[in-house]
Amino acid sequence: MGQVRNNVAPLSGMVTFAAVFLILYASTRSLLTAFAIALPLAVGVALIVRGLYPVSDDLREYNLDARRRVKKVLATVDHIEKMAAQIRDPEAQRSLLEGCRIIPQLLRQTQARQTTSFKLASTAANVQNYLTSVESVTEVYLRVQENPSYFTDADKQLEAGKQGFADFDAFALKAIQQLNAGDTAGYAADLETLKPLELPAIPLTEAAKT
């Protein structure tokens, strides 16, 4: 789609040149006159069209970058979910899985609200930074869980990891709530339009009363 948009300007110029050249040549029978008028007119049309549909190299780069970042986030979420399946503490596992469930929804809703990928790329980058820490904590948690005697205060470290997973769940939930906060006002306004209309009372005429 982007490639077609980038070709609009030159194609418009060529079509304009061909049409004007043929019309002028048919009426004047002069190749020089037809060429001299058709060429600058075609160039002008191409420049105008290019202004309306600018080349979107930067936009394509942002789109590609956003897709790469989202793909990385989803891969990290998938890895964390696989590790979460090994956690024995039900509450710690639940927090970790719930956070992982929300993150893809957060990215999908961010993408749905944006006409470009600038915000999506930024959101994915911030989320990935957070997930990197979650991933690291989960890996250490599993090592402590499997061999508690290898670690000092293993119980405390497991409890700290459990709290970290709860914080991750809270982070993901707060992020999607903040994203949806902008919809709340519109939601309330839409509900108002669904209320039944209150028609004004119509006074009866004397004829109707009798």
C-alpha atoms as a PDB file:
ATOM      1  CA  MET A   1       0.000   0.000   0.000  1.00  0.00           C
ATOM      2  CA  GLY A   2       2.836   2.387   0.860  1.00  0.00           C
ATOM      3  CA  GLN A   3       4.579   1.636  -2.442  1.00  0.00           C
ATOM      4  CA  VAL A   4       1.426   2.472  -4.388  1.00  0.00           C
ATOM      5  CA  ARG A   5       1.107   5.767  -2.486  1.00  0.00           C
ATOM      6  CA  ASN A   6       4.712   6.661  -3.308  1.00  0.00           C
ATOM      7  CA  ASN A   7       4.049   6.072  -7.034  1.00  0.00           C
ATOM      8  CA  VAL A   8       0.967   8.297  -7.183  1.00  0.00           C
ATOM      9  CA  ALA A   9       2.914  11.506  -7.945  1.00  0.00           C
ATOM     10  CA  PRO A  10       4.997  10.238 -10.915  1.00  0.00           C
ATOM     11  CA  LEU A  11       2.036   8.343 -12.359  1.00  0.00           C
ATOM     12  CA  SER A  12      -0.158  11.428 -12.130  1.00  0.00           C
ATOM     13  CA  GLY A  13       2.522  13.459 -13.913  1.00  0.00           C
ATOM     14  CA  MET A  14       2.852  10.931 -16.710  1.00  0.00           C
ATOM     15  CA  VAL A  15      -0.892  10.650 -17.233  1.00  0.00           C
ATOM     16  CA  THR A  16      -1.215  14.443 -17.300  1.00  0.00           C
ATOM     17  CA  PHE A  17       1.636  14.764 -19.779  1.00  0.00           C
ATOM     18  CA  ALA A  18       0.191  12.129 -22.113  1.00  0.00           C
ATOM     19  CA  ALA A  19      -3.319  13.569 -22.037  1.00  0.00           C
ATOM     20  CA  VAL A  20      -2.271  17.218 -22.526  1.00  0.00           C
ATOM     21  CA  PHE A  21       0.288  16.338 -25.201  1.00  0.00           C
ATOM     22  CA  LEU A  22      -2.199  14.326 -27.254  1.00  0.00           C
ATOM     23  CA  ILE A  23      -4.922  16.981 -26.984  1.00  0.00           C
ATOM     24  CA  LEU A  24      -2.596  19.840 -27.975  1.00  0.00           C
ATOM     25  CA  TYR A  25      -0.974  17.899 -30.779  1.00  0.00           C
ATOM     26  CA  ALA A  26      -4.368  16.984 -32.177  1.00  0.00           C
ATOM     27  CA  SER A  27      -5.418  20.633 -32.177  1.00  0.00           C
ATOM     28  CA  THR A  28      -2.151  22.328 -33.196  1.00  0.00           C
ATOM     29  CA  ARG A  29      -0.303  19.613 -35.141  1.00  0.00           C
ATOM     30  CA  SER A  30       2.877  20.966 -33.514  1.00  0.00           C
ATOM     31  CA  LEU A  31       5.047  18.566 -31.542  1.00  0.00           C
ATOM     32  CA  LEU A  32       7.106  21.410 -30.084  1.00  0.00           C
ATOM     33  CA  THR A  33       4.093  23.368 -28.848  1.00  0.00           C
ATOM     34  CA  ALA A  34       2.426  20.282 -27.400  1.00  0.00           C
ATOM     35  CA  PHE A  35       5.639  19.246 -25.625  1.00  0.00           C
ATOM     36  CA  ALA A  36       6.432  22.738 -24.308  1.00  0.00           C
ATOM     37  CA  ILE A  37       3.005  23.072 -22.678  1.00  0.00           C
ATOM     38  CA  ALA A  38       2.465  19.479 -21.551  1.00  0.00           C
ATOM     39  CA  LEU A  39       5.819  19.047 -19.784  1.00  0.00           C
ATOM     40  CA  PRO A  40       5.637  21.901 -17.230  1.00  0.00           C
ATOM     41  CA  LEU A  41       1.968  21.157 -16.620  1.00  0.00           C
ATOM     42  CA  ALA A  42       2.787  17.486 -15.893  1.00  0.00           C
ATOM     43  CA  VAL A  43       5.611  18.483 -13.551  1.00  0.00           C
ATOM     44  CA  GLY A  44       3.293  20.854 -11.699  1.00  0.00           C
ATOM     45  CA  VAL A  45       0.644  18.183 -11.251  1.00  0.00           C
ATOM     46  CA  ALA A  46       3.255  15.711  -9.983  1.00  0.00           C
ATOM     47  CA  LEU A  47       4.540  18.214  -7.427  1.00  0.00           C
ATOM     48  CA  ILE A  48       1.036  18.984  -6.212  1.00  0.00           C
ATOM     49  CA  VAL A  49       0.193  15.307  -5.842  1.00  0.00           C
ATOM     50  CA  ARG A  50       3.484  14.642  -4.038  1.00  0.00           C
ATOM     51  CA  GLY A  51       2.540  17.357  -1.555  1.00  0.00           C
ATOM     52  CA  LEU A  52      -0.788  15.661  -0.939  1.00  0.00           C
ATOM     53  CA  TYR A  53       0.758  12.177  -0.699  1.00  0.00           C
ATOM     54  CA  PRO A  54       4.321  12.636   0.622  1.00  0.00           C
ATOM     55  CA  VAL A  55       6.843   9.813   0.499  1.00  0.00           C
ATOM     56  CA  SER A  56       6.481   7.925   3.764  1.00  0.00           C
ATOM     57  CA  ASP A  57       9.945   6.406   4.258  1.00  0.00           C
ATOM     58  CA  ASP A  58      10.104   7.603   7.868  1.00  0.00           C
ATOM     59  CA  LEU A  59       6.596   6.350   8.550  1.00  0.00           C
ATOM     60  CA  ARG A  60       7.454   2.932   7.108  1.00  0.00           C
ATOM     61  CA  GLU A  61      10.506   2.786   9.376  1.00  0.00           C
ATOM     62  CA  TYR A  62       8.369   3.578  12.405  1.00  0.00           C
ATOM     63  CA  ASN A  63       5.848   0.919  11.385  1.00  0.00           C
ATOM     64  CA  LEU A  64       8.583  -1.676  10.981  1.00  0.00           C
ATOM     65  CA  ASP A  65      10.132  -0.661  14.290  1.00  0.00           C
ATOM     66  CA  ALA A  66       6.764  -0.902  16.039  1.00  0.00           C
ATOM     67  CA  ARG A  67       6.155  -4.390  14.617  1.00  0.00           C
ATOM     68  CA  ARG A  68       9.615  -5.543  15.714  1.00  0.00           C
ATOM     69  CA  ARG A  69       9.102  -4.188  19.227  1.00  0.00           C
ATOM     70  CA  VAL A  70       5.648  -5.747  19.548  1.00  0.00           C
ATOM     71  CA  LYS A  71       6.993  -9.081  18.298  1.00  0.00           C
ATOM     72  CA  LYS A  72       9.767  -8.950  20.911  1.00  0.00           C
ATOM     73  CA  VAL A  73       7.284  -8.132  23.685  1.00  0.00           C
ATOM     74  CA  LEU A  74       5.020 -11.030  22.709  1.00  0.00           C
ATOM     75  CA  ALA A  75       7.996 -13.415  22.591  1.00  0.00           C
ATOM     76  CA  THR A  76       9.046 -12.304  26.083  1.00  0.00           C
ATOM     77  CA  VAL A  77       5.482 -12.735  27.365  1.00  0.00           C
ATOM     78  CA  ASP A  78       5.400 -16.234  25.884  1.00  0.00           C
ATOM     79  CA  HIS A  79       8.689 -17.120  27.615  1.00  0.00           C
ATOM     80  CA  ILE A  80       7.455 -15.792  30.960  1.00  0.00           C
ATOM     81  CA  GLU A  81       4.211 -17.759  30.639  1.00  0.00           C
ATOM     82  CA  LYS A  82       6.155 -20.969  30.021  1.00  0.00           C
ATOM     83  CA  MET A  83       8.263 -20.324  33.129  1.00  0.00           C
ATOM     84  CA  ALA A  84       5.129 -19.442  35.124  1.00  0.00           C
ATOM     85  CA  ALA A  85       3.818 -22.944  34.485  1.00  0.00           C
ATOM     86  CA  GLN A  86       6.692 -24.233  36.659  1.00  0.00           C
ATOM     87  CA  ILE A  87       5.885 -22.011  39.669  1.00  0.00           C
ATOM     88  CA  ARG A  88       4.390 -24.012  42.535  1.00  0.00           C
ATOM     89  CA  ASP A  89       2.913 -21.147  44.538  1.00  0.00           C
ATOM     90  CA  PRO A  90      -0.634 -20.679  43.139  1.00  0.00           C
ATOM     91  CA  GLU A  91      -0.861 -17.005  44.021  1.00  0.00           C
ATOM     92  CA  ALA A  92       2.541 -16.155  42.574  1.00  0.00           C
ATOM     93  CA  GLN A  93       1.688 -18.081  39.418  1.00  0.00           C
ATOM     94  CA  ARG A  94      -1.698 -16.387  39.106  1.00  0.00           C
ATOM     95  CA  SER A  95      -0.198 -12.889  39.377  1.00  0.00           C
ATOM     96  CA  LEU A  96       2.431 -13.663  36.760  1.00  0.00           C
ATOM     97  CA  LEU A  97      -0.029 -15.191  34.301  1.00  0.00           C
ATOM     98  CA  GLU A  98      -2.584 -12.426  34.781  1.00  0.00           C
ATOM     99  CA  GLY A  99       0.024  -9.772  34.019  1.00  0.00           C
ATOM    100  CA  CYS A 100       1.059 -11.705  30.917  1.00  0.00           C
ATOM    101  CA  ARG A 101      -2.588 -11.936  29.827  1.00  0.00           C
ATOM    102  CA  ILE A 102      -3.061  -8.165  29.991  1.00  0.00           C
ATOM    103  CA  ILE A 103       0.098  -7.083  28.135  1.00  0.00           C
ATOM    104  CA  PRO A 104      -0.968  -8.268  24.631  1.00  0.00           C
ATOM    105  CA  GLN A 105      -4.357  -6.598  25.140  1.00  0.00           C
ATOM    106  CA  LEU A 106      -2.579  -3.389  26.114  1.00  0.00           C
ATOM    107  CA  LEU A 107      -0.602  -3.413  22.860  1.00  0.00           C
ATOM    108  CA  ARG A 108      -3.662  -4.260  20.731  1.00  0.00           C
ATOM    109  CA  GLN A 109      -5.700  -1.443  22.247  1.00  0.00           C
ATOM    110  CA  THR A 110      -2.806   1.001  21.888  1.00  0.00           C
ATOM    111  CA  GLN A 111      -2.520   0.088  18.206  1.00  0.00           C
ATOM    112  CA  ALA A 112      -6.269   0.419  17.652  1.00  0.00           C
ATOM    113  CA  ARG A 113      -6.256   3.982  19.047  1.00  0.00           C
ATOM    114  CA  GLN A 114      -3.344   5.266  16.945  1.00  0.00           C
ATOM    115  CA  THR A 115      -3.300   6.324  13.272  1.00  0.00           C
ATOM    116  CA  THR A 116       0.496   5.866  13.225  1.00  0.00           C
ATOM    117  CA  SER A 117       2.898   3.561  15.013  1.00  0.00           C
ATOM    118  CA  PHE A 118       4.735   6.226  17.029  1.00  0.00           C
ATOM    119  CA  LYS A 119       2.798   5.590  20.239  1.00  0.00           C
ATOM    120  CA  LEU A 120       2.761   1.824  19.733  1.00  0.00           C
ATOM    121  CA  ALA A 121       6.546   1.672  19.350  1.00  0.00           C
ATOM    122  CA  SER A 122       7.037   3.803  22.466  1.00  0.00           C
ATOM    123  CA  THR A 123       4.602   1.732  24.520  1.00  0.00           C
ATOM    124  CA  ALA A 124       6.144  -1.542  23.374  1.00  0.00           C
ATOM    125  CA  ALA A 125       9.635  -0.266  24.261  1.00  0.00           C
ATOM    126  CA  ASN A 126       8.569   0.747  27.775  1.00  0.00           C
ATOM    127  CA  VAL A 127       6.735  -2.529  28.338  1.00  0.00           C
ATOM    128  CA  GLN A 128       9.723  -4.527  27.095  1.00  0.00           C
ATOM    129  CA  ASN A 129      12.016  -2.798  29.580  1.00  0.00           C
ATOM    130  CA  TYR A 130       9.665  -3.818  32.380  1.00  0.00           C
ATOM    131  CA  LEU A 131       9.272  -7.367  31.059  1.00  0.00           C
ATOM    132  CA  THR A 132      13.036  -7.839  30.948  1.00  0.00           C
ATOM    133  CA  SER A 133      13.108  -7.367  34.723  1.00  0.00           C
ATOM    134  CA  VAL A 134      10.113  -9.664  35.206  1.00  0.00           C
ATOM    135  CA  GLU A 135      11.783 -12.314  33.073  1.00  0.00           C
ATOM    136  CA  SER A 136      15.006 -12.083  35.090  1.00  0.00           C
ATOM    137  CA  VAL A 137      13.173 -12.297  38.421  1.00  0.00           C
ATOM    138  CA  THR A 138      11.189 -15.319  37.232  1.00  0.00           C
ATOM    139  CA  GLU A 139      14.336 -17.143  36.186  1.00  0.00           C
ATOM    140  CA  VAL A 140      15.951 -16.566  39.599  1.00  0.00           C
ATOM    141  CA  TYR A 141      12.710 -17.467  41.393  1.00  0.00           C
ATOM    142  CA  LEU A 142      12.649 -20.854  39.668  1.00  0.00           C
ATOM    143  CA  ARG A 143      16.260 -21.521  40.589  1.00  0.00           C
ATOM    144  CA  VAL A 144      15.559 -20.736  44.233  1.00  0.00           C
ATOM    145  CA  GLN A 145      12.408 -22.848  44.128  1.00  0.00           C
ATOM    146  CA  GLU A 146      14.243 -25.857  42.729  1.00  0.00           C
ATOM    147  CA  ASN A 147      17.259 -25.670  45.054  1.00  0.00           C
ATOM    148  CA  PRO A 148      16.391 -23.586  48.142  1.00  0.00           C
ATOM    149  CA  SER A 149      19.404 -24.901  50.075  1.00  0.00           C
ATOM    150  CA  TYR A 150      21.710 -23.234  47.558  1.00  0.00           C
ATOM    151  CA  PHE A 151      20.465 -19.766  48.574  1.00  0.00           C
ATOM    152  CA  THR A 152      20.566 -17.772  51.786  1.00  0.00           C
ATOM    153  CA  ASP A 153      17.080 -16.964  53.134  1.00  0.00           C
ATOM    154  CA  ALA A 154      15.411 -18.840  50.304  1.00  0.00           C
ATOM    155  CA  ASP A 155      11.935 -18.368  51.802  1.00  0.00           C
ATOM    156  CA  LYS A 156      12.395 -14.607  51.935  1.00  0.00           C
ATOM    157  CA  GLN A 157      13.659 -14.527  48.370  1.00  0.00           C
ATOM    158  CA  LEU A 158      10.674 -16.539  47.169  1.00  0.00           C
ATOM    159  CA  GLU A 159       8.331 -14.200  49.038  1.00  0.00           C
ATOM    160  CA  ALA A 160      10.055 -11.187  47.478  1.00  0.00           C
ATOM    161  CA  GLY A 161       9.638 -12.755  44.046  1.00  0.00           C
ATOM    162  CA  LYS A 162       5.969 -13.393  44.765  1.00  0.00           C
ATOM    163  CA  GLN A 163       5.514  -9.723  45.658  1.00  0.00           C
ATOM    164  CA  GLY A 164       7.342  -8.758  42.480  1.00  0.00           C
ATOM    165  CA  PHE A 165       4.887 -10.799  40.423  1.00  0.00           C
ATOM    166  CA  ALA A 166       1.985  -9.078  42.189  1.00  0.00           C
ATOM    167  CA  ASP A 167       3.561  -5.717  41.359  1.00  0.00           C
ATOM    168  CA  PHE A 168       3.818  -6.791  37.717  1.00  0.00           C
ATOM    169  CA  ASP A 169       0.132  -7.705  37.668  1.00  0.00           C
ATOM    170  CA  ALA A 170      -0.706  -4.323  39.231  1.00  0.00           C
ATOM    171  CA  PHE A 171       1.481  -2.530  36.678  1.00  0.00           C
ATOM    172  CA  ALA A 172      -0.227  -4.223  33.729  1.00  0.00           C
ATOM    173  CA  LEU A 173      -3.695  -3.581  35.146  1.00  0.00           C
ATOM    174  CA  LYS A 174      -2.957   0.086  35.871  1.00  0.00           C
ATOM    175  CA  ALA A 175      -1.506   0.571  32.386  1.00  0.00           C
ATOM    176  CA  ILE A 176      -4.606  -0.749  30.627  1.00  0.00           C
ATOM    177  CA  GLN A 177      -6.887   1.185  32.995  1.00  0.00           C
ATOM    178  CA  GLN A 178      -5.058   4.397  32.131  1.00  0.00           C
ATOM    179  CA  LEU A 179      -5.379   3.591  28.440  1.00  0.00           C
ATOM    180  CA  ASN A 180      -9.111   3.034  28.834  1.00  0.00           C
ATOM    181  CA  ALA A 181      -9.580   6.136  30.982  1.00  0.00           C
ATOM    182  CA  GLY A 182      -9.997   8.237  27.845  1.00  0.00           C
ATOM    183  CA  ASP A 183     -12.920   6.044  26.804  1.00  0.00           C
ATOM    184  CA  THR A 184     -14.815   6.519  30.055  1.00  0.00           C
ATOM    185  CA  ALA A 185     -16.062  10.030  29.286  1.00  0.00           C
ATOM    186  CA  GLY A 186     -17.145   9.006  25.807  1.00  0.00           C
ATOM    187  CA  TYR A 187     -18.802   5.898  27.218  1.00  0.00           C
ATOM    188  CA  ALA A 188     -20.816   7.965  29.677  1.00  0.00           C
ATOM    189  CA  ALA A 189     -21.804  10.397  26.929  1.00  0.00           C
ATOM    190  CA  ASP A 190     -22.946   7.529  24.697  1.00  0.00           C
ATOM    191  CA  LEU A 191     -25.046   6.112  27.519  1.00  0.00           C
ATOM    192  CA  GLU A 192     -26.790   9.471  27.835  1.00  0.00           C
ATOM    193  CA  THR A 193     -27.876   9.260  24.199  1.00  0.00           C
ATOM    194  CA  LEU A 194     -29.470   5.865  24.867  1.00  0.00           C
ATOM    195  CA  LYS A 195     -31.895   7.250  27.447  1.00  0.00           C
ATOM    196  CA  PRO A 196     -35.545   7.485  26.301  1.00  0.00           C
ATOM    197  CA  LEU A 197     -36.508  10.832  24.839  1.00  0.00           C
ATOM    198  CA  GLU A 198     -38.790  12.928  27.011  1.00  0.00           C
ATOM    199  CA  LEU A 199     -41.434  14.440  24.772  1.00  0.00           C
ATOM    200  CA  PRO A 200     -42.978  17.739  25.858  1.00  0.00           C
ATOM    201  CA  ALA A 201     -46.585  17.671  26.960  1.00  0.00           C
ATOM    202  CA  ILE A 202     -48.966  18.711  24.184  1.00  0.00           C
ATOM    203  CA  PRO A 203     -51.849  20.843  25.458  1.00  0.00           C
ATOM    204  CA  LEU A 204     -55.272  19.728  24.379  1.00  0.00           C
ATOM    205  CA  THR A 205     -57.293  22.036  22.170  1.00  0.00           C
ATOM    206  CA  GLU A 206     -60.857  22.989  23.158  1.00  0.00           C
ATOM    207  CA  ALA A 207     -62.157  20.686  20.449  1.00  0.00           C
ATOM    208  CA  ALA A 208     -60.176  17.768  21.815  1.00  0.00           C
ATOM    209  CA  LYS A 209     -61.419  18.416  25.358  1.00  0.00           C
ATOM    210  CA  THR A 210     -65.039  18.162  24.211  1.00  0.00           C
END
